[in-house]
Amino acid sequence: MSEHEQTTAAQPNAGAFDGRPNEKADLIPEEEPVRHEGMDWFVLRVASNKENSVRETLLRKVQIEGMTNLVKRILVPTEKTKTIKGGKQKITETKLYPGYVFVEMRLEPDGRIPQDVFFLIKETTGVGDFVGTAGRPTPMKEHEIEKMLRDSRKPDEEPTVKLTFEKGEHVLIKEGPFQSYEGTIDELFPDKGMVRVLVTIFGRQAPIDLEEWQIAKADDR
């Protein structure tokens, strides 16, 4: 995505915040409440690729200005994934909600953002508007908050390999001794970043284990 700052961002995909009520309450630790008393969570639009810098700047400003009674947590949920190429692992961190920062804060009785908080946020480089009507942001729903908080803890977990192929899919081998052969995925090994492909060689099917980067969807040629 472009590094150019934008003051607005597209609305998230329909399912971006489509979490469901959490059936296992222990997924949200007791020491980390869903919300602090008198506060709600709000969604702040920010410029692409500026999510972390906006978060850090706002946290610093809140501390300096002594506004921790009005603004508590500011989060940018991310997900770590692992790719394997040539036996070497690479870990990447991806933002789950690009263009958005989540802010827990206290509003005025009439639903408006406190003036000091409003200017502190609006004067931060890369910030757009809160989701909601002008001056009156819309609080997140309970299931949206729970999903976002679960997502915010993911960076602490062991990253996994995300495979983009499915069992039974028709693929083309693009690297290695069997380059240009076509086959069908017979088995997936996510922990190793590998797949087993059934290839027809001399009239017989043979299983070949390959790293995921060595194959492509046959229809993408």
Protein backbone atom coordinates (compact mmCIF):
# COMPACT_ATOMS: atom_id res chain seq x y z
CA MET A 1 0.00 0.00 0.00
CA SER A 2 1.09 3.56 -0.64
CA GLU A 3 3.04 5.38 2.04
CA HIS A 4 1.27 8.62 1.11
CA GLU A 5 -0.85 9.92 3.94
CA GLN A 6 -4.58 9.93 3.49
CA THR A 7 -7.09 11.56 5.76
CA THR A 8 -9.76 9.00 4.99
CA ALA A 9 -9.87 5.27 4.46
CA ALA A 10 -12.36 2.90 2.93
CA GLN A 11 -14.88 1.31 5.28
CA PRO A 12 -13.73 -2.16 6.42
CA ASN A 13 -15.00 -5.20 4.54
CA ALA A 14 -18.43 -6.28 5.67
CA GLY A 15 -16.95 -8.97 7.89
CA ALA A 16 -14.04 -6.96 9.24
CA PHE A 17 -15.62 -6.58 12.68
CA ASP A 18 -18.04 -9.45 12.34
CA GLY A 19 -17.06 -11.30 15.49
CA ARG A 20 -19.51 -13.30 17.54
CA PRO A 21 -20.15 -13.32 21.30
CA ASN A 22 -17.27 -15.10 22.97
CA GLU A 23 -18.34 -18.49 24.30
CA LYS A 24 -15.13 -18.89 26.31
CA ALA A 25 -14.87 -16.00 28.71
CA ASP A 26 -11.36 -17.05 29.70
CA LEU A 27 -10.09 -15.93 26.28
CA ILE A 28 -10.19 -12.38 27.68
CA PRO A 29 -8.10 -12.35 30.87
CA GLU A 30 -9.72 -11.00 34.02
CA GLU A 31 -6.95 -8.41 34.34
CA GLU A 32 -7.87 -7.09 30.89
CA PRO A 33 -11.50 -5.93 31.05
CA VAL A 34 -13.54 -5.61 27.89
CA ARG A 35 -13.83 -1.92 28.73
CA HIS A 36 -12.93 0.27 31.68
CA GLU A 37 -15.75 1.78 33.70
CA GLY A 38 -17.45 4.68 31.95
CA MET A 39 -15.55 4.10 28.70
CA ASP A 40 -16.27 2.61 25.28
CA TRP A 41 -14.20 1.49 22.29
CA PHE A 42 -14.21 3.49 19.07
CA VAL A 43 -12.78 2.98 15.58
CA LEU A 44 -10.46 5.71 14.28
CA ARG A 45 -9.68 5.93 10.57
CA VAL A 46 -6.01 6.65 9.85
CA ALA A 47 -3.74 6.91 6.81
CA SER A 48 -2.52 3.70 5.23
CA ASN A 49 0.66 2.33 6.84
CA LYS A 50 0.45 4.94 9.61
CA GLU A 51 -1.40 2.80 12.15
CA ASN A 52 1.58 2.12 14.43
CA SER A 53 2.99 5.64 14.30
CA VAL A 54 -0.45 7.11 15.10
CA ARG A 55 -0.83 4.73 18.03
CA GLU A 56 2.61 5.54 19.46
CA THR A 57 2.08 9.28 19.03
CA LEU A 58 -1.34 9.22 20.70
CA LEU A 59 -0.12 7.14 23.62
CA ARG A 60 2.74 9.56 24.17
CA LYS A 61 0.47 12.62 23.95
CA VAL A 62 -2.06 11.12 26.38
CA GLN A 63 0.71 10.51 28.92
CA ILE A 64 2.27 13.97 28.49
CA GLU A 65 -1.07 15.78 28.72
CA GLY A 66 -2.23 13.69 31.70
CA MET A 67 -5.35 12.41 29.95
CA THR A 68 -5.21 8.77 31.01
CA ASN A 69 -8.52 9.31 32.81
CA LEU A 70 -10.11 10.04 29.43
CA VAL A 71 -8.19 7.73 27.10
CA LYS A 72 -7.07 4.25 28.20
CA ARG A 73 -6.02 1.73 25.56
CA ILE A 74 -5.07 2.34 21.92
CA LEU A 75 -4.62 -0.82 19.86
CA VAL A 76 -3.52 -1.95 16.39
CA PRO A 77 -4.30 -5.71 16.13
CA THR A 78 -1.77 -7.65 14.05
CA GLU A 79 -1.17 -11.25 13.05
CA LYS A 80 2.19 -12.97 12.70
CA THR A 81 2.56 -15.56 9.96
CA LYS A 82 5.50 -17.74 9.02
CA THR A 83 6.69 -18.60 5.53
CA ILE A 84 9.31 -21.18 4.67
CA LYS A 85 11.50 -20.97 1.57
CA GLY A 86 14.56 -23.10 0.97
CA GLY A 87 14.32 -24.37 4.53
CA LYS A 88 14.59 -20.83 5.92
CA GLN A 89 11.81 -19.32 7.99
CA LYS A 90 10.57 -15.77 7.60
CA ILE A 91 8.10 -14.20 10.03
CA THR A 92 5.93 -11.32 8.86
CA GLU A 93 3.50 -9.20 10.86
CA THR A 94 0.31 -8.12 9.13
CA LYS A 95 -2.27 -5.61 10.33
CA LEU A 96 -5.68 -7.26 10.65
CA TYR A 97 -7.57 -3.98 10.16
CA PRO A 98 -5.50 -1.82 7.76
CA GLY A 99 -6.33 1.87 8.04
CA TYR A 100 -7.86 1.65 11.52
CA VAL A 101 -6.79 2.21 15.12
CA PHE A 102 -8.96 1.25 18.10
CA VAL A 103 -9.30 3.77 20.92
CA GLU A 104 -10.86 3.23 24.35
CA MET A 105 -12.03 6.57 25.73
CA ARG A 106 -14.64 8.39 27.78
CA LEU A 107 -17.18 10.64 26.04
CA GLU A 108 -19.09 13.64 27.33
CA PRO A 109 -22.65 12.98 28.63
CA ASP A 110 -24.04 14.21 25.28
CA GLY A 111 -21.96 11.63 23.36
CA ARG A 112 -19.34 14.06 22.09
CA ILE A 113 -15.57 13.64 22.35
CA PRO A 114 -14.12 15.83 25.14
CA GLN A 115 -12.67 18.95 23.49
CA ASP A 116 -9.11 18.40 24.76
CA VAL A 117 -9.13 14.80 23.55
CA PHE A 118 -10.63 15.82 20.21
CA PHE A 119 -7.85 18.30 19.45
CA LEU A 120 -5.15 15.95 20.77
CA ILE A 121 -6.30 13.29 18.31
CA LYS A 122 -7.16 15.52 15.33
CA GLU A 123 -3.80 17.31 15.47
CA THR A 124 -1.92 14.02 15.10
CA THR A 125 -0.41 13.40 11.67
CA GLY A 126 -2.17 10.66 9.71
CA VAL A 127 -5.46 10.78 11.62
CA GLY A 128 -8.81 10.88 9.84
CA ASP A 129 -12.23 10.63 11.49
CA PHE A 130 -13.90 8.28 13.93
CA VAL A 131 -16.49 5.88 12.57
CA GLY A 132 -19.82 7.54 13.33
CA THR A 133 -21.40 10.95 12.88
CA ALA A 134 -19.40 14.18 13.10
CA GLY A 135 -18.30 14.77 16.68
CA ARG A 136 -20.24 11.74 17.96
CA PRO A 137 -18.34 8.52 17.27
CA THR A 138 -20.24 5.22 17.30
CA PRO A 139 -19.23 2.82 20.11
CA MET A 140 -18.19 -0.68 19.02
CA LYS A 141 -20.57 -3.52 19.83
CA GLU A 142 -19.73 -6.06 22.52
CA HIS A 143 -18.85 -8.92 20.15
CA GLU A 144 -16.73 -6.55 18.02
CA ILE A 145 -14.72 -5.51 21.08
CA GLU A 146 -14.16 -9.10 22.20
CA LYS A 147 -12.94 -10.14 18.76
CA MET A 148 -10.65 -7.12 18.51
CA LEU A 149 -9.14 -7.80 21.95
CA ARG A 150 -8.50 -11.43 21.03
CA ASP A 151 -6.86 -10.32 17.78
CA SER A 152 -4.68 -7.83 19.71
CA ARG A 153 -3.07 -10.66 21.67
CA LYS A 154 -2.13 -12.73 18.61
CA PRO A 155 1.40 -11.30 18.21
CA ASP A 156 2.36 -13.04 21.45
CA GLU A 157 1.40 -16.41 20.04
CA GLU A 158 3.63 -18.74 18.04
CA PRO A 159 3.27 -17.71 14.38
CA THR A 160 1.88 -20.35 12.05
CA VAL A 161 2.35 -21.04 8.36
CA LYS A 162 -0.62 -19.94 6.29
CA LEU A 163 -1.11 -22.14 3.27
CA THR A 164 -3.00 -20.65 0.33
CA PHE A 165 -3.79 -23.99 -1.30
CA GLU A 166 -6.42 -26.62 -0.56
CA LYS A 167 -6.53 -30.39 -0.79
CA GLY A 168 -7.65 -31.56 -4.23
CA GLU A 169 -6.55 -28.33 -5.94
CA HIS A 170 -4.95 -28.58 -9.40
CA VAL A 171 -1.46 -27.01 -9.33
CA LEU A 172 1.59 -26.44 -11.49
CA ILE A 173 5.09 -27.13 -10.16
CA LYS A 174 7.21 -24.07 -10.96
CA GLU A 175 10.52 -24.92 -9.23
CA GLY A 176 12.68 -28.01 -8.72
CA PRO A 177 13.33 -31.28 -10.62
CA PHE A 178 9.64 -31.63 -11.57
CA GLN A 179 9.24 -28.09 -12.92
CA SER A 180 6.35 -27.70 -15.43
CA TYR A 181 4.61 -30.87 -14.20
CA GLU A 182 0.98 -30.53 -13.15
CA GLY A 183 -0.61 -32.39 -10.30
CA THR A 184 -3.22 -32.46 -7.55
CA ILE A 185 -2.64 -31.55 -3.91
CA ASP A 186 -3.06 -34.69 -1.83
CA GLU A 187 -2.01 -33.47 1.62
CA LEU A 188 -1.08 -30.26 3.45
CA PHE A 189 1.64 -29.85 6.08
CA PRO A 190 1.05 -26.33 7.50
CA ASP A 191 3.65 -26.65 10.27
CA LYS A 192 6.35 -27.22 7.66
CA GLY A 193 4.95 -24.97 4.94
CA MET A 194 4.82 -27.97 2.61
CA VAL A 195 2.32 -29.81 0.42
CA ARG A 196 2.20 -33.29 -1.09
CA VAL A 197 1.33 -33.26 -4.79
CA LEU A 198 0.26 -36.29 -6.81
CA VAL A 199 2.00 -36.12 -10.18
CA THR A 200 1.60 -38.55 -13.07
CA ILE A 201 5.06 -39.77 -14.17
CA PHE A 202 5.39 -42.40 -16.90
CA GLY A 203 1.71 -43.23 -16.59
CA ARG A 204 1.74 -43.70 -12.81
CA GLN A 205 0.84 -41.33 -9.99
CA ALA A 206 3.68 -40.47 -7.65
CA PRO A 207 3.53 -38.33 -4.45
CA ILE A 208 6.03 -35.45 -4.34
CA ASP A 209 6.60 -33.29 -1.24
CA LEU A 210 7.21 -29.63 -2.08
CA GLU A 211 7.46 -26.31 -0.29
CA GLU A 212 4.44 -24.16 -0.98
CA TRP A 213 6.42 -21.52 -2.86
CA GLN A 214 7.41 -24.15 -5.43
CA ILE A 215 3.87 -24.48 -6.81
CA ALA A 216 1.22 -22.23 -8.35
CA LYS A 217 -2.44 -22.60 -9.16
CA ALA A 218 -2.63 -24.29 -12.57
CA ASP A 219 -5.23 -21.79 -13.75
CA ASP A 220 -2.92 -18.83 -13.01
CA ARG A 221 -0.45 -19.63 -15.78
